[in-house]
């Protein structure tokens, strides 16, 4: 019987040793090994222990540089907070926990990056059919830019892709750009430009941002034409209607002006149709129609001549006299020919 009690006691001791081992002093960190922190944000590293009621903590970088953060101890855990994150926070941080004669350490790598904004799309000029334009895609305030990749697409078609594999002399925020020159065509109407930027700071899930810009394609005004009713030659008191048309995209705005003696234009109307009533001689002159849209203008001119009635009557009398004189001359030649005088 005593022998059996010894065996039972031995088994209990083994169980107790195993239980005590399971409650041994341990240290854990969160995040466990590595974290990504964006410049300007706040990040916290947590170091916690098990198996010890009152541990003591300390933090340091592996190269013994300043922590550039604040430490707060709460019982069995210690928290290192960096707010805001700066270039100086890119380190491997080591948490040390001590419990009696026991000591445990664990490190967390903090990698920093900057990728705060969507890329920007800039055009050198409005998009005009048939005229080359330069498109620039900008990724502002990027770090580290040697892991940046940028793409520019038109619709689903890749126009250009670039990786910035340059050596970085120092830690700094950089604005990188990708640009391409192309000539818009009428089929580009309704398509979009896509500027896409990827920062390969995380190999599994790269940071990605993009901007989409709908293409507004223009056609400069052309084929401007004027129709006049009833005529460009008028008498005082008459009325005249002039209609102007112009082709373009977007549809051109129509402006009517009269050319002054000094060459300047006097604006008359913003309608396609211009009607002038009770015309006077001083209304004679050159009238200008312009088709205007955001990328250009195209003009057409017409000259109106207004005469008073006396000039018109004198003209009619002169015409009658000339006709009568011509008939008389022909009759006289016929008379001479009939009597064989010629």
Protein backbone atom coordinates (compact mmCIF):
# COMPACT_ATOMS: atom_id res chain seq x y z
CA UNK A 1 0.00 0.00 0.00
CA UNK A 2 2.75 2.58 0.82
CA UNK A 3 4.38 1.74 -2.52
CA UNK A 4 1.18 2.62 -4.39
CA UNK A 5 0.97 5.97 -2.55
CA UNK A 6 4.51 6.81 -3.66
CA UNK A 7 3.57 6.08 -7.28
CA UNK A 8 0.48 8.27 -7.02
CA UNK A 9 2.47 11.08 -5.46
CA UNK A 10 5.07 10.80 -8.23
CA UNK A 11 2.39 11.15 -10.90
CA UNK A 12 0.96 14.27 -9.21
CA UNK A 13 4.39 15.85 -9.12
CA UNK A 14 4.81 15.31 -12.85
CA UNK A 15 1.40 16.92 -13.54
CA UNK A 16 2.28 19.86 -11.33
CA UNK A 17 5.59 20.37 -13.11
CA UNK A 18 3.79 20.30 -16.47
CA UNK A 19 1.19 22.81 -15.24
CA UNK A 20 3.87 25.10 -13.85
CA UNK A 21 5.74 24.92 -17.16
CA UNK A 22 2.60 25.90 -19.01
CA UNK A 23 2.41 29.00 -16.80
CA UNK A 24 6.10 29.90 -17.32
CA UNK A 25 7.14 33.50 -17.98
CA UNK A 26 6.50 34.40 -21.65
CA UNK A 27 6.48 37.56 -23.77
CA UNK A 28 4.38 38.43 -26.80
CA UNK A 29 4.17 41.44 -29.08
CA UNK A 30 1.47 42.98 -31.20
CA UNK A 31 2.01 43.29 -34.10
CA UNK A 32 3.92 40.06 -33.90
CA UNK A 33 6.93 40.71 -36.13
CA UNK A 34 6.43 43.70 -38.46
CA UNK A 35 4.15 46.63 -39.04
CA UNK A 36 3.70 49.26 -41.74
CA UNK A 37 3.15 52.81 -40.59
CA UNK A 38 2.32 55.79 -42.79
CA UNK A 39 4.15 59.03 -42.11
CA UNK A 40 1.85 61.35 -40.21
CA UNK A 41 -0.28 58.56 -38.77
CA UNK A 42 -0.18 57.11 -35.25
CA UNK A 43 1.11 53.60 -34.51
CA UNK A 44 1.30 51.63 -31.26
CA UNK A 45 3.47 48.62 -30.41
CA UNK A 46 2.28 46.42 -27.53
CA UNK A 47 4.45 44.11 -25.48
CA UNK A 48 2.66 41.79 -23.01
CA UNK A 49 3.66 38.96 -20.66
CA UNK A 50 2.16 35.84 -19.17
CA UNK A 51 3.34 33.93 -16.14
CA UNK A 52 4.30 37.03 -14.16
CA UNK A 53 2.08 39.32 -12.11
CA UNK A 54 4.38 42.36 -11.97
CA UNK A 55 6.86 42.43 -14.85
CA UNK A 56 9.08 45.38 -15.65
CA UNK A 57 9.51 46.61 -19.24
CA UNK A 58 11.99 48.54 -21.29
CA UNK A 59 12.09 49.55 -24.98
CA UNK A 60 15.00 50.36 -27.24
CA UNK A 61 15.95 50.29 -30.89
CA UNK A 62 18.44 47.75 -32.04
CA UNK A 63 20.85 50.52 -32.96
CA UNK A 64 20.23 52.37 -29.68
CA UNK A 65 18.81 55.50 -31.32
CA UNK A 66 16.08 57.56 -29.58
CA UNK A 67 12.66 55.93 -29.40
CA UNK A 68 10.85 59.04 -30.67
CA UNK A 69 7.75 57.75 -28.92
CA UNK A 70 5.97 57.53 -25.58
CA UNK A 71 5.86 54.42 -23.37
CA UNK A 72 2.88 53.56 -21.18
CA UNK A 73 2.95 50.53 -18.83
CA UNK A 74 -0.31 48.90 -17.80
CA UNK A 75 0.19 45.89 -15.52
CA UNK A 76 1.33 42.99 -17.67
CA UNK A 77 1.71 45.01 -20.86
CA UNK A 78 3.66 47.95 -22.14
CA UNK A 79 2.67 50.17 -25.07
CA UNK A 80 5.03 52.25 -27.22
CA UNK A 81 3.12 54.91 -29.19
CA UNK A 82 4.59 56.98 -32.02
CA UNK A 83 2.32 59.90 -32.94
CA UNK A 84 2.89 61.18 -35.52
CA UNK A 85 5.09 58.68 -37.32
CA UNK A 86 8.25 60.22 -38.77
CA UNK A 87 11.29 59.09 -40.70
CA UNK A 88 13.08 58.65 -37.34
CA UNK A 89 10.64 55.86 -36.41
CA UNK A 90 11.84 53.43 -39.09
CA UNK A 91 13.63 50.91 -36.85
CA UNK A 92 13.51 47.48 -35.35
CA UNK A 93 12.20 47.96 -31.80
CA UNK A 94 13.13 45.59 -29.00
CA UNK A 95 10.90 45.05 -25.98
CA UNK A 96 12.55 43.60 -22.86
CA UNK A 97 10.42 42.17 -20.02
CA UNK A 98 11.92 41.15 -16.70
CA UNK A 99 10.25 39.01 -14.02
CA UNK A 100 12.45 38.23 -11.02
CA UNK A 101 15.47 36.51 -12.46
CA UNK A 102 13.67 35.85 -15.74
CA UNK A 103 14.21 38.00 -18.80
CA UNK A 104 12.56 37.82 -22.22
CA UNK A 105 13.02 39.95 -25.35
CA UNK A 106 11.17 40.27 -28.61
CA UNK A 107 11.53 42.62 -31.57
CA UNK A 108 9.09 44.37 -33.93
CA UNK A 109 10.18 45.87 -37.24
CA UNK A 110 8.55 49.20 -38.09
CA UNK A 111 8.66 50.10 -41.78
CA UNK A 112 7.36 53.50 -42.76
CA UNK A 113 5.91 54.77 -46.01
CA UNK A 114 4.15 57.77 -47.46
CA UNK A 115 1.35 57.40 -49.98
CA UNK A 116 -1.22 59.95 -48.75
CA UNK A 117 -3.05 61.05 -51.90
CA UNK A 118 -4.59 59.77 -55.09
CA UNK A 119 -2.49 60.56 -58.16
CA UNK A 120 -3.20 63.69 -60.17
CA UNK A 121 -3.83 64.00 -63.92
CA UNK A 122 -2.72 67.17 -65.71
CA UNK A 123 -3.18 68.07 -69.39
CA UNK A 124 -0.90 70.50 -71.24
CA UNK A 125 -3.94 71.85 -73.13
CA UNK A 126 -7.60 71.00 -73.75
CA UNK A 127 -7.99 67.84 -75.79
CA UNK A 128 -8.53 68.83 -79.40
CA UNK A 129 -9.04 66.37 -82.22
CA UNK A 130 -5.90 66.15 -84.36
CA UNK A 131 -3.63 68.17 -82.04
CA UNK A 132 -0.99 66.49 -79.82
CA UNK A 133 -1.38 66.93 -76.07
CA UNK A 134 0.83 65.86 -73.16
CA UNK A 135 -0.74 64.01 -70.25
CA UNK A 136 1.14 64.00 -66.94
CA UNK A 137 0.32 61.67 -64.06
CA UNK A 138 1.68 62.78 -60.66
CA UNK A 139 2.07 60.75 -57.46
CA UNK A 140 2.74 63.28 -54.67
CA UNK A 141 4.72 62.85 -51.43
CA UNK A 142 5.82 59.24 -51.96
CA UNK A 143 8.25 57.26 -49.78
CA UNK A 144 10.06 55.01 -50.55
CA UNK A 145 9.78 55.97 -54.22
CA UNK A 146 12.13 53.19 -55.36
CA UNK A 147 9.18 50.84 -54.81
CA UNK A 148 6.76 52.95 -56.82
CA UNK A 149 5.15 51.76 -60.06
CA UNK A 150 2.90 53.98 -62.18
CA UNK A 151 0.63 53.24 -65.14
CA UNK A 152 -1.33 55.46 -67.49
CA UNK A 153 -4.27 53.96 -69.38
CA UNK A 154 -6.78 55.22 -71.90
CA UNK A 155 -9.89 53.18 -71.32
CA UNK A 156 -8.61 49.59 -71.03
CA UNK A 157 -5.50 50.24 -73.16
CA UNK A 158 -2.17 50.67 -71.40
CA UNK A 159 -0.39 53.75 -72.72
CA UNK A 160 2.70 53.66 -70.49
CA UNK A 161 4.08 51.90 -67.40
CA UNK A 162 7.11 52.91 -65.35
CA UNK A 163 8.97 51.71 -62.26
CA UNK A 164 11.16 54.15 -60.33
CA UNK A 165 14.15 52.00 -59.47
CA UNK A 166 16.45 54.89 -58.62
CA UNK A 167 18.82 54.94 -55.67
CA UNK A 168 17.58 57.04 -52.78
CA UNK A 169 20.28 59.33 -51.42
CA UNK A 170 18.25 60.26 -48.36
CA UNK A 171 14.90 59.75 -46.74
CA UNK A 172 12.53 62.30 -48.21
CA UNK A 173 9.06 62.69 -49.67
CA UNK A 174 9.20 62.77 -53.45
CA UNK A 175 6.65 63.60 -56.16
CA UNK A 176 7.07 61.31 -59.13
CA UNK A 177 5.49 61.70 -62.55
CA UNK A 178 4.72 59.71 -65.65
CA UNK A 179 3.91 61.50 -68.90
CA UNK A 180 3.04 60.71 -72.48
CA UNK A 181 2.07 62.70 -75.59
CA UNK A 182 -0.76 61.50 -77.80
CA UNK A 183 -3.08 62.90 -80.46
CA UNK A 184 -6.80 62.72 -79.62
CA UNK A 185 -9.21 61.32 -82.20
CA UNK A 186 -12.97 61.59 -82.44
CA UNK A 187 -13.30 58.03 -81.08
CA UNK A 188 -11.80 59.18 -77.77
CA UNK A 189 -15.01 61.00 -76.88
CA UNK A 190 -16.52 59.32 -73.81
CA UNK A 191 -13.35 57.39 -72.89
CA UNK A 192 -11.42 57.91 -69.64
CA UNK A 193 -7.82 58.40 -68.62
CA UNK A 194 -6.71 56.26 -65.67
CA UNK A 195 -3.63 57.12 -63.64
CA UNK A 196 -2.70 54.23 -61.36
CA UNK A 197 0.06 54.19 -58.75
CA UNK A 198 1.26 51.17 -56.75
CA UNK A 199 3.65 51.24 -53.83
CA UNK A 200 5.19 47.81 -53.37
CA UNK A 201 5.90 48.22 -49.66
CA UNK A 202 3.90 45.09 -48.88
CA UNK A 203 4.71 42.24 -51.25
CA UNK A 204 1.39 40.49 -50.65
CA UNK A 205 -0.90 43.51 -50.68
CA UNK A 206 0.75 46.53 -52.35
CA UNK A 207 -0.72 49.93 -51.63
CA UNK A 208 -2.65 51.14 -54.65
CA UNK A 209 -4.31 54.42 -55.62
CA UNK A 210 -5.83 55.64 -58.88
CA UNK A 211 -7.53 58.63 -60.45
CA UNK A 212 -9.98 58.54 -63.36
CA UNK A 213 -10.58 61.51 -65.66
CA UNK A 214 -13.22 61.51 -68.37
CA UNK A 215 -11.94 62.73 -71.72
CA UNK A 216 -13.53 65.96 -72.90
CA UNK A 217 -12.54 66.13 -76.57
CA UNK A 218 -13.03 69.36 -78.53
CA UNK A 219 -13.21 70.32 -82.20
CA UNK A 220 -12.29 73.90 -83.03
CA UNK A 221 -14.97 75.92 -84.88
CA UNK A 222 -14.85 75.68 -88.68
CA UNK A 223 -16.97 76.14 -91.82
CA UNK A 224 -18.55 79.32 -90.50
CA UNK A 225 -21.13 80.57 -93.03
CA UNK A 226 -23.50 83.53 -93.39
CA UNK A 227 -26.81 83.73 -95.29
CA UNK A 228 -28.41 87.14 -96.01
CA UNK A 229 -32.05 87.89 -96.80
CA UNK A 230 -33.18 89.65 -98.91
CA UNK A 231 -29.85 91.05 -100.17
CA UNK A 232 -26.57 92.70 -99.22
CA UNK A 233 -27.59 95.77 -101.26
CA UNK A 234 -30.32 97.72 -99.51
CA UNK A 235 -32.19 101.00 -99.56
CA UNK A 236 -32.68 103.24 -96.59
CA UNK A 237 -35.61 102.02 -94.52
CA UNK A 238 -35.18 98.39 -95.58
CA UNK A 239 -34.73 95.49 -93.15
CA UNK A 240 -32.24 92.65 -93.49
CA UNK A 241 -31.89 89.31 -91.72
CA UNK A 242 -28.50 87.55 -91.48
CA UNK A 243 -28.09 84.02 -90.18
CA UNK A 244 -24.76 82.52 -89.14
CA UNK A 245 -23.78 78.88 -88.61
CA UNK A 246 -20.53 77.26 -87.45
CA UNK A 247 -19.41 73.67 -86.87
CA UNK A 248 -17.45 72.44 -83.82
CA UNK A 249 -17.51 70.46 -80.58
CA UNK A 250 -18.98 71.64 -78.35
CA UNK A 251 -21.32 73.59 -80.63
CA UNK A 252 -19.80 77.05 -81.09
CA UNK A 253 -21.36 80.13 -79.56
CA UNK A 254 -22.29 82.69 -82.22
CA UNK A 255 -21.31 86.35 -81.88
CA UNK A 256 -22.24 89.13 -84.32
CA UNK A 257 -20.15 92.30 -84.54
CA UNK A 258 -19.68 95.25 -86.86
CA UNK A 259 -16.19 96.30 -87.93
CA UNK A 260 -15.48 99.92 -87.03
CA UNK A 261 -13.31 102.34 -89.00
CA UNK A 262 -10.40 101.76 -86.62
CA UNK A 263 -10.59 98.01 -87.16
CA UNK A 264 -12.13 97.22 -83.76
CA UNK A 265 -15.30 95.17 -83.48
CA UNK A 266 -18.54 96.48 -82.01
CA UNK A 267 -20.50 93.61 -80.44
CA UNK A 268 -24.08 93.45 -81.67
CA UNK A 269 -25.62 90.12 -80.69
CA UNK A 270 -25.02 86.65 -79.28
CA UNK A 271 -27.75 85.01 -81.36
CA UNK A 272 -27.31 83.04 -84.55
CA UNK A 273 -29.77 85.35 -86.35
CA UNK A 274 -29.24 89.10 -86.57
CA UNK A 275 -32.09 91.28 -87.88
CA UNK A 276 -31.56 94.95 -88.70
CA UNK A 277 -34.58 97.17 -89.42
CA UNK A 278 -35.02 100.71 -90.78
CA UNK A 279 -31.55 100.63 -92.28
CA UNK A 280 -29.68 103.90 -92.83
CA UNK A 281 -26.68 104.74 -94.94
CA UNK A 282 -24.41 104.74 -91.86
CA UNK A 283 -25.40 101.09 -91.28
CA UNK A 284 -23.36 100.19 -94.35
CA UNK A 285 -20.20 98.29 -93.54
CA UNK A 286 -18.65 94.93 -92.82
CA UNK A 287 -20.50 92.62 -90.42
CA UNK A 288 -18.60 89.81 -88.73
CA UNK A 289 -19.91 86.49 -87.44
CA UNK A 290 -17.67 84.43 -85.13
CA UNK A 291 -18.13 80.85 -84.00
CA UNK A 292 -16.41 80.43 -80.61
CA UNK A 293 -15.82 77.44 -78.30
CA UNK A 294 -13.17 76.66 -75.62
CA UNK A 295 -10.47 75.69 -78.16
CA UNK A 296 -10.82 78.30 -80.87
CA UNK A 297 -12.81 80.63 -83.06
CA UNK A 298 -13.66 80.95 -86.73
CA UNK A 299 -15.08 84.03 -88.48
CA UNK A 300 -16.92 85.01 -91.61
CA UNK A 301 -17.56 88.53 -92.95
CA UNK A 302 -20.25 90.08 -95.12
CA UNK A 303 -20.54 93.62 -96.47
CA UNK A 304 -23.87 95.46 -96.47
CA UNK A 305 -24.40 98.51 -98.69
CA UNK A 306 -27.25 100.87 -97.88
CA UNK A 307 -28.18 103.61 -100.40
CA UNK A 308 -30.65 106.47 -100.11
CA UNK A 309 -33.56 106.71 -102.60
CA UNK A 310 -32.09 109.59 -104.60
CA UNK A 311 -28.99 107.53 -105.38
CA UNK A 312 -31.21 104.64 -106.36
CA UNK A 313 -33.45 106.78 -108.62
CA UNK A 314 -30.46 108.41 -110.29
CA UNK A 315 -29.13 104.96 -110.92
CA UNK A 316 -32.38 103.87 -112.54
CA UNK A 317 -32.46 107.00 -114.76
CA UNK A 318 -28.88 106.43 -115.85
CA UNK A 319 -29.69 102.87 -116.76
CA UNK A 320 -32.73 103.93 -118.82
CA UNK A 321 -30.70 106.56 -120.67
CA UNK A 322 -27.97 104.08 -121.49
CA UNK A 323 -30.47 101.55 -122.78
CA UNK A 324 -32.23 104.17 -124.91
CA UNK A 325 -28.93 105.40 -126.32
CA UNK A 326 -27.93 101.85 -127.21
CA UNK A 327 -31.26 101.20 -128.98
CA UNK A 328 -30.96 104.47 -130.88
CA UNK A 329 -27.47 103.64 -132.04
CA UNK A 330 -28.52 100.22 -133.27
CA UNK A 331 -31.54 101.71 -135.14
CA UNK A 332 -29.33 104.32 -136.82
CA UNK A 333 -26.84 101.66 -137.97
CA UNK A 334 -29.71 99.59 -139.35
CA UNK A 335 -31.08 102.64 -141.23
CA UNK A 336 -27.78 103.33 -142.88
CA UNK A 337 -27.34 99.72 -143.82
CA UNK A 338 -30.89 99.51 -145.36
CA UNK A 339 -30.26 102.44 -147.69
CA UNK A 340 -26.79 101.13 -148.62
CA UNK A 341 -25.12 104.09 -147.11
CA UNK A 342 -22.61 101.80 -145.37
